[in-house]
């Protein structure tokens, strides 16, 4: 499935010399990595502590070798199924609020992934970095890559590009991932069972997992470099969306003016980007697939609720995930304190 669908277009690209070298390094590296069965893709591979598809791994290698960050770059970062589509919409609306009228907004005609491009995917375009290099500033990009897999030229304090990260209750993340995986599995394959997916998730084996290590990487970065990484919680954004919109705008250096507050621009953005509004737009009801013929716009919208896990997980499953979360967070906090002492 992965080879036939995800790589159907990019395998036929004419590569420039630099990309050819990266592809060669990828081809040499892949057979050396530990593989595990994927949830919907054929396989995941363990690379520097994380489980990536071959598509994501090669995308990461291309980013490290060829991406040229700019001080104005804004990167929406998430572990999958943590609110990526919502955060893309919010960031796009905040940054471009003076460019478009809310009554005829690009988000009413385009899925957010068409406005905030997926870094690991767009880096493949045209077999070189020419497309991504040619995007106007500020470039709005999204990623699922762990913070530690980015090149230092993007993550250290010498770089001014910024990351906006959102995390979510792992119980809801797991359920959303499970539903998403079964939408994307090949029709000839049986659905992945809740129990099978649960075991893999708890072991850290999921797309861009382990989930907890992904979260901890960005959380630590937000504490060490608060001007570079903003760390948000999905549940907080749901509870107080207007406050979070103001927080993101301030972090990105485009705070709302008193005049904008009086015109209720914040509230307009919240309304425009709400799950109810976004999921009911015709553009987001379609099953039209992306360039890899894998994911349709409607696949990104399910419920967007907090606590939906309670409809699926047994009490024992929920307790297991809570225990893993507590253990991982305690270990992460201890490691951070040890580094600072």
C-alpha atoms as a PDB file:
ATOM      1  CA  UNK A   1       0.000   0.000   0.000  1.00  0.00           C
ATOM      2  CA  UNK A   2       2.707   2.492   0.987  1.00  0.00           C
ATOM      3  CA  UNK A   3       4.803   1.986  -2.129  1.00  0.00           C
ATOM      4  CA  UNK A   4       1.871   2.076  -4.519  1.00  0.00           C
ATOM      5  CA  UNK A   5       0.057   5.070  -3.066  1.00  0.00           C
ATOM      6  CA  UNK A   6       2.380   7.280  -1.058  1.00  0.00           C
ATOM      7  CA  UNK A   7       5.353   7.019  -3.401  1.00  0.00           C
ATOM      8  CA  UNK A   8       3.399   6.787  -6.675  1.00  0.00           C
ATOM      9  CA  UNK A   9       4.168  10.383  -7.661  1.00  0.00           C
ATOM     10  CA  UNK A  10       7.456  11.208  -5.984  1.00  0.00           C
ATOM     11  CA  UNK A  11       9.312   8.107  -7.173  1.00  0.00           C
ATOM     12  CA  UNK A  12       9.184   9.440 -10.742  1.00  0.00           C
ATOM     13  CA  UNK A  13      10.599  12.871  -9.936  1.00  0.00           C
ATOM     14  CA  UNK A  14      13.777  14.003 -11.607  1.00  0.00           C
ATOM     15  CA  UNK A  15      16.105  14.723  -8.694  1.00  0.00           C
ATOM     16  CA  UNK A  16      18.767  17.379  -8.486  1.00  0.00           C
ATOM     17  CA  UNK A  17      22.253  16.310  -7.403  1.00  0.00           C
ATOM     18  CA  UNK A  18      21.752  17.120  -3.719  1.00  0.00           C
ATOM     19  CA  UNK A  19      18.488  15.210  -3.523  1.00  0.00           C
ATOM     20  CA  UNK A  20      20.068  12.246  -5.303  1.00  0.00           C
ATOM     21  CA  UNK A  21      22.670  12.041  -2.532  1.00  0.00           C
ATOM     22  CA  UNK A  22      20.000  12.170   0.185  1.00  0.00           C
ATOM     23  CA  UNK A  23      17.949   9.475  -1.557  1.00  0.00           C
ATOM     24  CA  UNK A  24      21.063   7.312  -1.774  1.00  0.00           C
ATOM     25  CA  UNK A  25      21.752   7.775   1.943  1.00  0.00           C
ATOM     26  CA  UNK A  26      18.132   6.900   2.678  1.00  0.00           C
ATOM     27  CA  UNK A  27      18.320   3.725   0.585  1.00  0.00           C
ATOM     28  CA  UNK A  28      21.437   2.664   2.489  1.00  0.00           C
ATOM     29  CA  UNK A  29      19.998   3.523   5.908  1.00  0.00           C
ATOM     30  CA  UNK A  30      16.522   1.989   5.673  1.00  0.00           C
ATOM     31  CA  UNK A  31      17.545  -1.715   5.666  1.00  0.00           C
ATOM     32  CA  UNK A  32      19.589  -1.154   8.844  1.00  0.00           C
ATOM     33  CA  UNK A  33      16.650   0.145  10.914  1.00  0.00           C
ATOM     34  CA  UNK A  34      14.411  -2.012  13.149  1.00  0.00           C
ATOM     35  CA  UNK A  35      10.980  -2.421  11.495  1.00  0.00           C
ATOM     36  CA  UNK A  36       7.562  -2.928  13.072  1.00  0.00           C
ATOM     37  CA  UNK A  37       4.139  -3.432  11.581  1.00  0.00           C
ATOM     38  CA  UNK A  38       2.357  -0.147  10.914  1.00  0.00           C
ATOM     39  CA  UNK A  39      -1.264   0.668  11.780  1.00  0.00           C
ATOM     40  CA  UNK A  40      -2.183   1.435   8.180  1.00  0.00           C
ATOM     41  CA  UNK A  41       1.137   1.648   6.378  1.00  0.00           C
ATOM     42  CA  UNK A  42       3.109  -1.482   5.659  1.00  0.00           C
ATOM     43  CA  UNK A  43       5.895  -0.779   8.136  1.00  0.00           C
ATOM     44  CA  UNK A  44       7.298   1.721  10.589  1.00  0.00           C
ATOM     45  CA  UNK A  45      11.026   2.053  11.198  1.00  0.00           C
ATOM     46  CA  UNK A  46      12.764   3.044  14.421  1.00  0.00           C
ATOM     47  CA  UNK A  47      15.023   6.022  13.824  1.00  0.00           C
ATOM     48  CA  UNK A  48      16.730   7.974  16.603  1.00  0.00           C
ATOM     49  CA  UNK A  49      14.162   6.756  19.110  1.00  0.00           C
ATOM     50  CA  UNK A  50      11.023   7.367  17.027  1.00  0.00           C
ATOM     51  CA  UNK A  51       8.868   5.234  14.723  1.00  0.00           C
ATOM     52  CA  UNK A  52       8.567   6.724  11.248  1.00  0.00           C
ATOM     53  CA  UNK A  53       7.156   5.581   7.944  1.00  0.00           C
ATOM     54  CA  UNK A  54       9.687   5.423   5.139  1.00  0.00           C
ATOM     55  CA  UNK A  55       7.984   8.514   3.659  1.00  0.00           C
ATOM     56  CA  UNK A  56       8.433  10.484   6.894  1.00  0.00           C
ATOM     57  CA  UNK A  57      12.002   9.277   7.366  1.00  0.00           C
ATOM     58  CA  UNK A  58      13.077  10.332   3.905  1.00  0.00           C
ATOM     59  CA  UNK A  59      11.235  13.614   4.401  1.00  0.00           C
ATOM     60  CA  UNK A  60      13.177  14.210   7.615  1.00  0.00           C
ATOM     61  CA  UNK A  61      16.469  13.471   5.862  1.00  0.00           C
ATOM     62  CA  UNK A  62      15.558  15.931   3.100  1.00  0.00           C
ATOM     63  CA  UNK A  63      14.683  18.583   5.688  1.00  0.00           C
ATOM     64  CA  UNK A  64      18.010  18.067   7.456  1.00  0.00           C
ATOM     65  CA  UNK A  65      20.010  18.168   4.237  1.00  0.00           C
ATOM     66  CA  UNK A  66      18.209  20.834   2.223  1.00  0.00           C
ATOM     67  CA  UNK A  67      15.703  22.968   4.161  1.00  0.00           C
ATOM     68  CA  UNK A  68      16.876  26.565   4.547  1.00  0.00           C
ATOM     69  CA  UNK A  69      15.071  28.132   7.528  1.00  0.00           C
ATOM     70  CA  UNK A  70      14.133  31.797   7.569  1.00  0.00           C
ATOM     71  CA  UNK A  71      13.686  33.995  10.641  1.00  0.00           C
ATOM     72  CA  UNK A  72      10.027  34.464   9.678  1.00  0.00           C
ATOM     73  CA  UNK A  73       9.176  30.754   9.350  1.00  0.00           C
ATOM     74  CA  UNK A  74       6.255  29.559  11.483  1.00  0.00           C
ATOM     75  CA  UNK A  75       5.930  25.822  11.999  1.00  0.00           C
ATOM     76  CA  UNK A  76       2.765  24.215  13.356  1.00  0.00           C
ATOM     77  CA  UNK A  77       4.007  21.080  15.129  1.00  0.00           C
ATOM     78  CA  UNK A  78       1.913  18.214  16.455  1.00  0.00           C
ATOM     79  CA  UNK A  79       1.952  14.540  17.145  1.00  0.00           C
ATOM     80  CA  UNK A  80      -0.691  13.108  14.775  1.00  0.00           C
ATOM     81  CA  UNK A  81      -4.340  13.499  15.837  1.00  0.00           C
ATOM     82  CA  UNK A  82      -3.678  16.205  18.424  1.00  0.00           C
ATOM     83  CA  UNK A  83      -5.500  19.026  16.643  1.00  0.00           C
ATOM     84  CA  UNK A  84      -3.275  19.632  13.625  1.00  0.00           C
ATOM     85  CA  UNK A  85      -6.042  20.831  11.311  1.00  0.00           C
ATOM     86  CA  UNK A  86      -7.490  23.165  13.944  1.00  0.00           C
ATOM     87  CA  UNK A  87      -4.114  24.683  14.809  1.00  0.00           C
ATOM     88  CA  UNK A  88      -3.270  25.148  11.136  1.00  0.00           C
ATOM     89  CA  UNK A  89      -6.501  27.103  10.682  1.00  0.00           C
ATOM     90  CA  UNK A  90      -5.934  29.231  13.782  1.00  0.00           C
ATOM     91  CA  UNK A  91      -2.355  30.138  12.892  1.00  0.00           C
ATOM     92  CA  UNK A  92      -3.240  30.934   9.273  1.00  0.00           C
ATOM     93  CA  UNK A  93      -6.139  33.144  10.381  1.00  0.00           C
ATOM     94  CA  UNK A  94      -4.063  34.964  12.988  1.00  0.00           C
ATOM     95  CA  UNK A  95      -1.125  35.701  10.704  1.00  0.00           C
ATOM     96  CA  UNK A  96      -3.266  36.697   7.704  1.00  0.00           C
ATOM     97  CA  UNK A  97      -6.071  38.495   9.515  1.00  0.00           C
ATOM     98  CA  UNK A  98      -5.395  41.786   7.714  1.00  0.00           C
ATOM     99  CA  UNK A  99      -5.256  40.192   4.278  1.00  0.00           C
ATOM    100  CA  UNK A 100      -8.692  38.601   3.985  1.00  0.00           C
ATOM    101  CA  UNK A 101     -12.291  39.395   4.791  1.00  0.00           C
ATOM    102  CA  UNK A 102     -13.978  36.877   7.077  1.00  0.00           C
ATOM    103  CA  UNK A 103     -16.990  36.774   4.757  1.00  0.00           C
ATOM    104  CA  UNK A 104     -14.832  35.456   1.906  1.00  0.00           C
ATOM    105  CA  UNK A 105     -11.949  33.769   3.676  1.00  0.00           C
ATOM    106  CA  UNK A 106      -9.556  31.224   2.076  1.00  0.00           C
ATOM    107  CA  UNK A 107     -10.521  28.768   4.812  1.00  0.00           C
ATOM    108  CA  UNK A 108     -14.059  28.703   3.448  1.00  0.00           C
ATOM    109  CA  UNK A 109     -12.746  27.298   0.156  1.00  0.00           C
ATOM    110  CA  UNK A 110      -9.601  25.415   1.171  1.00  0.00           C
ATOM    111  CA  UNK A 111      -8.752  22.733   3.690  1.00  0.00           C
ATOM    112  CA  UNK A 112      -6.172  24.097   6.158  1.00  0.00           C
ATOM    113  CA  UNK A 113      -3.562  21.639   4.845  1.00  0.00           C
ATOM    114  CA  UNK A 114      -3.651  23.535   1.522  1.00  0.00           C
ATOM    115  CA  UNK A 115      -2.826  26.802   3.288  1.00  0.00           C
ATOM    116  CA  UNK A 116      -0.306  25.547   5.847  1.00  0.00           C
ATOM    117  CA  UNK A 117       1.759  23.047   3.905  1.00  0.00           C
ATOM    118  CA  UNK A 118       3.043  19.780   5.354  1.00  0.00           C
ATOM    119  CA  UNK A 119       6.828  20.106   5.591  1.00  0.00           C
ATOM    120  CA  UNK A 120       7.705  16.414   5.267  1.00  0.00           C
ATOM    121  CA  UNK A 121       5.585  16.271   2.118  1.00  0.00           C
ATOM    122  CA  UNK A 122       6.276  19.586   0.405  1.00  0.00           C
ATOM    123  CA  UNK A 123      10.037  19.076   0.779  1.00  0.00           C
ATOM    124  CA  UNK A 124       9.632  16.376  -1.916  1.00  0.00           C
ATOM    125  CA  UNK A 125       8.141  18.786  -4.474  1.00  0.00           C
ATOM    126  CA  UNK A 126       9.817  18.900  -7.875  1.00  0.00           C
ATOM    127  CA  UNK A 127      12.750  16.734  -6.783  1.00  0.00           C
ATOM    128  CA  UNK A 128      14.556  19.725  -5.304  1.00  0.00           C
ATOM    129  CA  UNK A 129      14.078  22.422  -2.696  1.00  0.00           C
ATOM    130  CA  UNK A 130      13.116  24.998  -5.337  1.00  0.00           C
ATOM    131  CA  UNK A 131       9.392  24.948  -4.514  1.00  0.00           C
ATOM    132  CA  UNK A 132       9.757  25.377  -0.762  1.00  0.00           C
ATOM    133  CA  UNK A 133      12.583  27.889  -1.256  1.00  0.00           C
ATOM    134  CA  UNK A 134      10.278  29.906  -3.489  1.00  0.00           C
ATOM    135  CA  UNK A 135       7.397  30.225  -1.018  1.00  0.00           C
ATOM    136  CA  UNK A 136       6.825  33.819   0.121  1.00  0.00           C
ATOM    137  CA  UNK A 137       7.532  34.870   3.691  1.00  0.00           C
ATOM    138  CA  UNK A 138       6.281  34.248   6.236  1.00  0.00           C
ATOM    139  CA  UNK A 139       6.177  30.569   5.333  1.00  0.00           C
ATOM    140  CA  UNK A 140       3.497  28.718   7.283  1.00  0.00           C
ATOM    141  CA  UNK A 141       4.392  25.036   7.501  1.00  0.00           C
ATOM    142  CA  UNK A 142       3.217  22.077   9.550  1.00  0.00           C
ATOM    143  CA  UNK A 143       5.038  18.997  10.764  1.00  0.00           C
ATOM    144  CA  UNK A 144       4.671  15.825  12.789  1.00  0.00           C
ATOM    145  CA  UNK A 145       8.431  15.454  13.217  1.00  0.00           C
ATOM    146  CA  UNK A 146       9.784  15.252  16.773  1.00  0.00           C
ATOM    147  CA  UNK A 147      11.760  18.321  17.826  1.00  0.00           C
ATOM    148  CA  UNK A 148      14.971  16.310  18.166  1.00  0.00           C
ATOM    149  CA  UNK A 149      14.875  15.246  14.505  1.00  0.00           C
ATOM    150  CA  UNK A 150      15.181  18.786  13.170  1.00  0.00           C
ATOM    151  CA  UNK A 151      18.589  20.207  12.251  1.00  0.00           C
ATOM    152  CA  UNK A 152      20.268  22.451  14.812  1.00  0.00           C
ATOM    153  CA  UNK A 153      20.039  25.373  12.406  1.00  0.00           C
ATOM    154  CA  UNK A 154      16.292  25.298  13.071  1.00  0.00           C
ATOM    155  CA  UNK A 155      16.179  24.457  16.773  1.00  0.00           C
ATOM    156  CA  UNK A 156      19.037  26.319  18.433  1.00  0.00           C
ATOM    157  CA  UNK A 157      18.769  29.899  19.634  1.00  0.00           C
ATOM    158  CA  UNK A 158      20.653  31.252  16.618  1.00  0.00           C
ATOM    159  CA  UNK A 159      17.523  30.577  14.558  1.00  0.00           C
ATOM    160  CA  UNK A 160      14.456  32.795  14.826  1.00  0.00           C
ATOM    161  CA  UNK A 161      11.978  30.411  13.194  1.00  0.00           C
ATOM    162  CA  UNK A 162       9.187  29.534  15.617  1.00  0.00           C
ATOM    163  CA  UNK A 163       7.246  26.398  16.488  1.00  0.00           C
ATOM    164  CA  UNK A 164       3.655  26.338  17.762  1.00  0.00           C
ATOM    165  CA  UNK A 165       2.999  22.927  19.326  1.00  0.00           C
ATOM    166  CA  UNK A 166      -0.229  21.427  20.618  1.00  0.00           C
ATOM    167  CA  UNK A 167      -0.596  18.269  22.706  1.00  0.00           C
ATOM    168  CA  UNK A 168      -3.691  16.363  23.771  1.00  0.00           C
ATOM    169  CA  UNK A 169      -4.844  13.788  26.313  1.00  0.00           C
ATOM    170  CA  UNK A 170      -3.187  10.570  25.085  1.00  0.00           C
ATOM    171  CA  UNK A 171      -6.421   8.636  25.611  1.00  0.00           C
ATOM    172  CA  UNK A 172      -8.211  10.839  23.074  1.00  0.00           C
ATOM    173  CA  UNK A 173      -5.154  10.787  20.809  1.00  0.00           C
ATOM    174  CA  UNK A 174      -5.155   7.003  20.785  1.00  0.00           C
ATOM    175  CA  UNK A 175      -8.852   6.713  19.921  1.00  0.00           C
ATOM    176  CA  UNK A 176      -8.538   9.313  17.164  1.00  0.00           C
ATOM    177  CA  UNK A 177      -5.483   7.529  15.743  1.00  0.00           C
ATOM    178  CA  UNK A 178      -7.289   4.207  15.803  1.00  0.00           C
ATOM    179  CA  UNK A 179     -10.279   5.567  13.878  1.00  0.00           C
ATOM    180  CA  UNK A 180      -7.979   7.358  11.426  1.00  0.00           C
ATOM    181  CA  UNK A 181      -5.895   4.236  10.818  1.00  0.00           C
ATOM    182  CA  UNK A 182      -8.949   2.169   9.952  1.00  0.00           C
ATOM    183  CA  UNK A 183     -10.072   4.809   7.454  1.00  0.00           C
ATOM    184  CA  UNK A 184      -6.734   4.600   5.687  1.00  0.00           C
ATOM    185  CA  UNK A 185      -6.099   0.862   5.754  1.00  0.00           C
ATOM    186  CA  UNK A 186      -6.230  -0.897   2.407  1.00  0.00           C
ATOM    187  CA  UNK A 187      -9.670  -2.329   1.666  1.00  0.00           C
ATOM    188  CA  UNK A 188      -8.263  -5.836   1.392  1.00  0.00           C
ATOM    189  CA  UNK A 189      -6.976  -5.650   4.981  1.00  0.00           C
ATOM    190  CA  UNK A 190      -9.193  -6.267   8.020  1.00  0.00           C
ATOM    191  CA  UNK A 191      -9.598  -3.347  10.442  1.00  0.00           C
ATOM    192  CA  UNK A 192      -6.937  -3.051  13.101  1.00  0.00           C
ATOM    193  CA  UNK A 193      -8.596  -4.019  16.376  1.00  0.00           C
ATOM    194  CA  UNK A 194      -8.756  -1.683  19.338  1.00  0.00           C
ATOM    195  CA  UNK A 195      -6.720  -4.158  21.378  1.00  0.00           C
ATOM    196  CA  UNK A 196      -3.992  -4.529  18.745  1.00  0.00           C
ATOM    197  CA  UNK A 197      -3.674  -0.777  18.295  1.00  0.00           C
ATOM    198  CA  UNK A 198      -3.705  -0.252  22.071  1.00  0.00           C
ATOM    199  CA  UNK A 199      -0.803  -2.640  22.624  1.00  0.00           C
ATOM    200  CA  UNK A 200       1.238  -0.937  19.909  1.00  0.00           C
ATOM    201  CA  UNK A 201       0.447   2.553  21.204  1.00  0.00           C
ATOM    202  CA  UNK A 202       1.445   1.636  24.766  1.00  0.00           C
ATOM    203  CA  UNK A 203       4.732   0.254  23.435  1.00  0.00           C
ATOM    204  CA  UNK A 204       5.331   3.550  21.670  1.00  0.00           C
ATOM    205  CA  UNK A 205       4.878   2.027  18.217  1.00  0.00           C
ATOM    206  CA  UNK A 206       2.671   4.427  16.298  1.00  0.00           C
ATOM    207  CA  UNK A 207       3.210   6.935  13.510  1.00  0.00           C
ATOM    208  CA  UNK A 208       5.832   9.430  14.824  1.00  0.00           C
ATOM    209  CA  UNK A 209       5.680   7.717  18.239  1.00  0.00           C
ATOM    210  CA  UNK A 210       6.305   7.182  21.063  1.00  0.00           C
ATOM    211  CA  UNK A 211       3.640   9.786  21.721  1.00  0.00           C
ATOM    212  CA  UNK A 212       5.002  10.705  25.154  1.00  0.00           C
ATOM    213  CA  UNK A 213       8.560  11.253  23.919  1.00  0.00           C
ATOM    214  CA  UNK A 214       7.209  13.466  21.141  1.00  0.00           C
ATOM    215  CA  UNK A 215       5.362  15.637  23.665  1.00  0.00           C
ATOM    216  CA  UNK A 216       8.267  15.789  26.102  1.00  0.00           C
ATOM    217  CA  UNK A 217      10.663  16.913  23.380  1.00  0.00           C
ATOM    218  CA  UNK A 218       8.609  19.993  22.553  1.00  0.00           C
ATOM    219  CA  UNK A 219       7.699  20.637  26.191  1.00  0.00           C
ATOM    220  CA  UNK A 220      11.362  20.740  27.201  1.00  0.00           C
ATOM    221  CA  UNK A 221      12.165  22.961  24.231  1.00  0.00           C
ATOM    222  CA  UNK A 222       9.380  25.364  25.238  1.00  0.00           C
ATOM    223  CA  UNK A 223      10.903  25.695  28.714  1.00  0.00           C
ATOM    224  CA  UNK A 224      14.455  26.100  27.452  1.00  0.00           C
ATOM    225  CA  UNK A 225      13.575  28.387  24.509  1.00  0.00           C
ATOM    226  CA  UNK A 226      10.201  30.029  25.229  1.00  0.00           C
ATOM    227  CA  UNK A 227      10.661  32.513  22.387  1.00  0.00           C
ATOM    228  CA  UNK A 228      11.106  29.654  19.925  1.00  0.00           C
ATOM    229  CA  UNK A 229       8.529  27.057  21.022  1.00  0.00           C
ATOM    230  CA  UNK A 230       4.989  27.725  22.256  1.00  0.00           C
ATOM    231  CA  UNK A 231       3.413  24.714  23.967  1.00  0.00           C
ATOM    232  CA  UNK A 232      -0.390  24.504  23.953  1.00  0.00           C
ATOM    233  CA  UNK A 233      -2.854  21.951  25.303  1.00  0.00           C
ATOM    234  CA  UNK A 234      -5.807  20.932  23.156  1.00  0.00           C
ATOM    235  CA  UNK A 235      -8.109  20.913  26.162  1.00  0.00           C
ATOM    236  CA  UNK A 236      -7.142  24.499  27.052  1.00  0.00           C
ATOM    237  CA  UNK A 237      -7.792  25.690  23.507  1.00  0.00           C
ATOM    238  CA  UNK A 238     -11.224  24.034  23.574  1.00  0.00           C
ATOM    239  CA  UNK A 239     -12.045  25.574  26.945  1.00  0.00           C
ATOM    240  CA  UNK A 240     -10.732  29.097  26.307  1.00  0.00           C
ATOM    241  CA  UNK A 241     -10.167  29.502  22.563  1.00  0.00           C
ATOM    242  CA  UNK A 242     -10.064  33.303  22.571  1.00  0.00           C
ATOM    243  CA  UNK A 243      -7.336  33.396  25.224  1.00  0.00           C
ATOM    244  CA  UNK A 244      -5.304  30.871  23.250  1.00  0.00           C
ATOM    245  CA  UNK A 245      -5.703  32.879  20.036  1.00  0.00           C
ATOM    246  CA  UNK A 246      -4.323  35.931  21.842  1.00  0.00           C
ATOM    247  CA  UNK A 247      -1.482  33.839  23.252  1.00  0.00           C
ATOM    248  CA  UNK A 248      -0.501  32.533  19.815  1.00  0.00           C
ATOM    249  CA  UNK A 249      -0.677  36.011  18.285  1.00  0.00           C
ATOM    250  CA  UNK A 250       1.562  37.428  21.005  1.00  0.00           C
ATOM    251  CA  UNK A 251       4.064  34.607  20.597  1.00  0.00           C
ATOM    252  CA  UNK A 252       4.223  35.173  16.834  1.00  0.00           C
ATOM    253  CA  UNK A 253       4.835  38.885  17.321  1.00  0.00           C
ATOM    254  CA  UNK A 254       1.473  39.993  15.930  1.00  0.00           C
ATOM    255  CA  UNK A 255      -0.602  40.821  19.043  1.00  0.00           C
ATOM    256  CA  UNK A 256      -4.118  42.139  18.659  1.00  0.00           C
ATOM    257  CA  UNK A 257      -4.470  45.898  18.863  1.00  0.00           C
ATOM    258  CA  UNK A 258      -7.132  47.597  21.011  1.00  0.00           C
ATOM    259  CA  UNK A 259      -8.952  48.453  17.798  1.00  0.00           C
ATOM    260  CA  UNK A 260      -8.979  44.797  16.745  1.00  0.00           C
ATOM    261  CA  UNK A 261     -10.245  43.801  20.167  1.00  0.00           C
ATOM    262  CA  UNK A 262     -13.060  46.335  19.863  1.00  0.00           C
ATOM    263  CA  UNK A 263     -13.954  44.911  16.455  1.00  0.00           C
ATOM    264  CA  UNK A 264     -14.023  41.422  18.014  1.00  0.00           C
ATOM    265  CA  UNK A 265     -11.478  40.075  15.530  1.00  0.00           C
ATOM    266  CA  UNK A 266     -10.419  37.429  18.053  1.00  0.00           C
ATOM    267  CA  UNK A 267     -13.972  36.151  18.301  1.00  0.00           C
ATOM    268  CA  UNK A 268     -14.280  36.136  14.498  1.00  0.00           C
ATOM    269  CA  UNK A 269     -11.182  33.927  14.253  1.00  0.00           C
ATOM    270  CA  UNK A 270     -12.502  31.573  16.921  1.00  0.00           C
ATOM    271  CA  UNK A 271     -15.814  31.271  15.086  1.00  0.00           C
ATOM    272  CA  UNK A 272     -14.192  30.787  11.676  1.00  0.00           C
ATOM    273  CA  UNK A 273     -11.876  28.040  12.934  1.00  0.00           C
ATOM    274  CA  UNK A 274     -14.343  26.225  15.177  1.00  0.00           C
ATOM    275  CA  UNK A 275     -14.809  22.510  14.583  1.00  0.00           C
ATOM    276  CA  UNK A 276     -18.497  23.058  13.895  1.00  0.00           C
ATOM    277  CA  UNK A 277     -17.834  25.619  11.176  1.00  0.00           C
ATOM    278  CA  UNK A 278     -14.848  23.886   9.596  1.00  0.00           C
ATOM    279  CA  UNK A 279     -16.413  20.428   9.467  1.00  0.00           C
ATOM    280  CA  UNK A 280     -19.577  21.776   7.817  1.00  0.00           C
ATOM    281  CA  UNK A 281     -17.781  23.516   4.951  1.00  0.00           C
ATOM    282  CA  UNK A 282     -18.264  21.738   1.634  1.00  0.00           C
ATOM    283  CA  UNK A 283     -14.520  21.659   0.974  1.00  0.00           C
ATOM    284  CA  UNK A 284     -14.037  19.627   4.149  1.00  0.00           C
ATOM    285  CA  UNK A 285     -16.844  17.178   3.407  1.00  0.00           C
ATOM    286  CA  UNK A 286     -15.146  15.810   0.309  1.00  0.00           C
ATOM    287  CA  UNK A 287     -13.259  12.555   0.021  1.00  0.00           C
ATOM    288  CA  UNK A 288     -10.912  14.097  -2.541  1.00  0.00           C
ATOM    289  CA  UNK A 289      -7.498  12.649  -1.807  1.00  0.00           C
ATOM    290  CA  UNK A 290      -4.204  14.441  -1.387  1.00  0.00           C
ATOM    291  CA  UNK A 291      -1.376  14.309  -3.942  1.00  0.00           C
ATOM    292  CA  UNK A 292      -0.385  10.856  -2.687  1.00  0.00           C
ATOM    293  CA  UNK A 293      -3.994   9.630  -3.169  1.00  0.00           C
ATOM    294  CA  UNK A 294      -4.134   8.589   0.450  1.00  0.00           C
ATOM    295  CA  UNK A 295      -6.044  11.068   2.627  1.00  0.00           C
ATOM    296  CA  UNK A 296      -9.250  12.961   1.829  1.00  0.00           C
ATOM    297  CA  UNK A 297     -10.296  16.269   3.419  1.00  0.00           C
ATOM    298  CA  UNK A 298     -13.153  14.629   5.316  1.00  0.00           C
ATOM    299  CA  UNK A 299     -10.700  12.197   6.937  1.00  0.00           C
ATOM    300  CA  UNK A 300      -9.366  15.031   9.094  1.00  0.00           C
ATOM    301  CA  UNK A 301     -12.700  15.673  10.807  1.00  0.00           C
ATOM    302  CA  UNK A 302     -14.288  13.191  13.197  1.00  0.00           C
ATOM    303  CA  UNK A 303     -15.587  14.624  16.490  1.00  0.00           C
ATOM    304  CA  UNK A 304     -13.034  17.038  17.910  1.00  0.00           C
ATOM    305  CA  UNK A 305     -14.370  16.318  21.391  1.00  0.00           C
ATOM    306  CA  UNK A 306     -12.575  16.159  24.716  1.00  0.00           C
ATOM    307  CA  UNK A 307     -13.147  12.868  26.543  1.00  0.00           C
ATOM    308  CA  UNK A 308     -14.467  10.756  23.655  1.00  0.00           C
ATOM    309  CA  UNK A 309     -12.089   8.024  24.828  1.00  0.00           C
ATOM    310  CA  UNK A 310     -14.633   7.120  27.525  1.00  0.00           C
ATOM    311  CA  UNK A 311     -16.907   5.731  24.791  1.00  0.00           C
ATOM    312  CA  UNK A 312     -14.277   3.224  23.682  1.00  0.00           C
ATOM    313  CA  UNK A 313     -11.707   2.394  26.367  1.00  0.00           C
ATOM    314  CA  UNK A 314     -12.275   0.007  29.236  1.00  0.00           C
ATOM    315  CA  UNK A 315     -11.460   1.365  32.719  1.00  0.00           C
ATOM    316  CA  UNK A 316      -8.347  -0.819  32.740  1.00  0.00           C
ATOM    317  CA  UNK A 317      -7.160   0.563  29.389  1.00  0.00           C
ATOM    318  CA  UNK A 318      -7.693   4.130  30.578  1.00  0.00           C
ATOM    319  CA  UNK A 319      -5.812   3.428  33.791  1.00  0.00           C
ATOM    320  CA  UNK A 320      -2.918   1.896  31.854  1.00  0.00           C
ATOM    321  CA  UNK A 321      -2.558   4.976  29.656  1.00  0.00           C
ATOM    322  CA  UNK A 322      -2.780   7.283  32.670  1.00  0.00           C
ATOM    323  CA  UNK A 323      -0.046   5.307  34.429  1.00  0.00           C
ATOM    324  CA  UNK A 324       2.249   5.427  31.398  1.00  0.00           C
ATOM    325  CA  UNK A 325       1.651   9.164  31.083  1.00  0.00           C
ATOM    326  CA  UNK A 326       2.459   9.769  34.744  1.00  0.00           C
ATOM    327  CA  UNK A 327       5.624   7.663  34.565  1.00  0.00           C
ATOM    328  CA  UNK A 328       6.829   9.329  31.373  1.00  0.00           C
ATOM    329  CA  UNK A 329       6.163  12.840  32.655  1.00  0.00           C
ATOM    330  CA  UNK A 330       7.907  12.188  35.958  1.00  0.00           C
ATOM    331  CA  UNK A 331      10.921  10.782  34.130  1.00  0.00           C
ATOM    332  CA  UNK A 332      10.944  13.749  31.760  1.00  0.00           C
ATOM    333  CA  UNK A 333      10.753  16.308  34.557  1.00  0.00           C
ATOM    334  CA  UNK A 334      13.558  14.561  36.445  1.00  0.00           C
ATOM    335  CA  UNK A 335      15.760  14.489  33.353  1.00  0.00           C
ATOM    336  CA  UNK A 336      15.160  18.193  32.736  1.00  0.00           C
ATOM    337  CA  UNK A 337      16.024  19.078  36.337  1.00  0.00           C
ATOM    338  CA  UNK A 338      19.189  16.965  36.168  1.00  0.00           C
ATOM    339  CA  UNK A 339      20.259  18.822  33.030  1.00  0.00           C
ATOM    340  CA  UNK A 340      19.750  22.190  34.714  1.00  0.00           C
ATOM    341  CA  UNK A 341      21.653  21.281  37.897  1.00  0.00           C
END
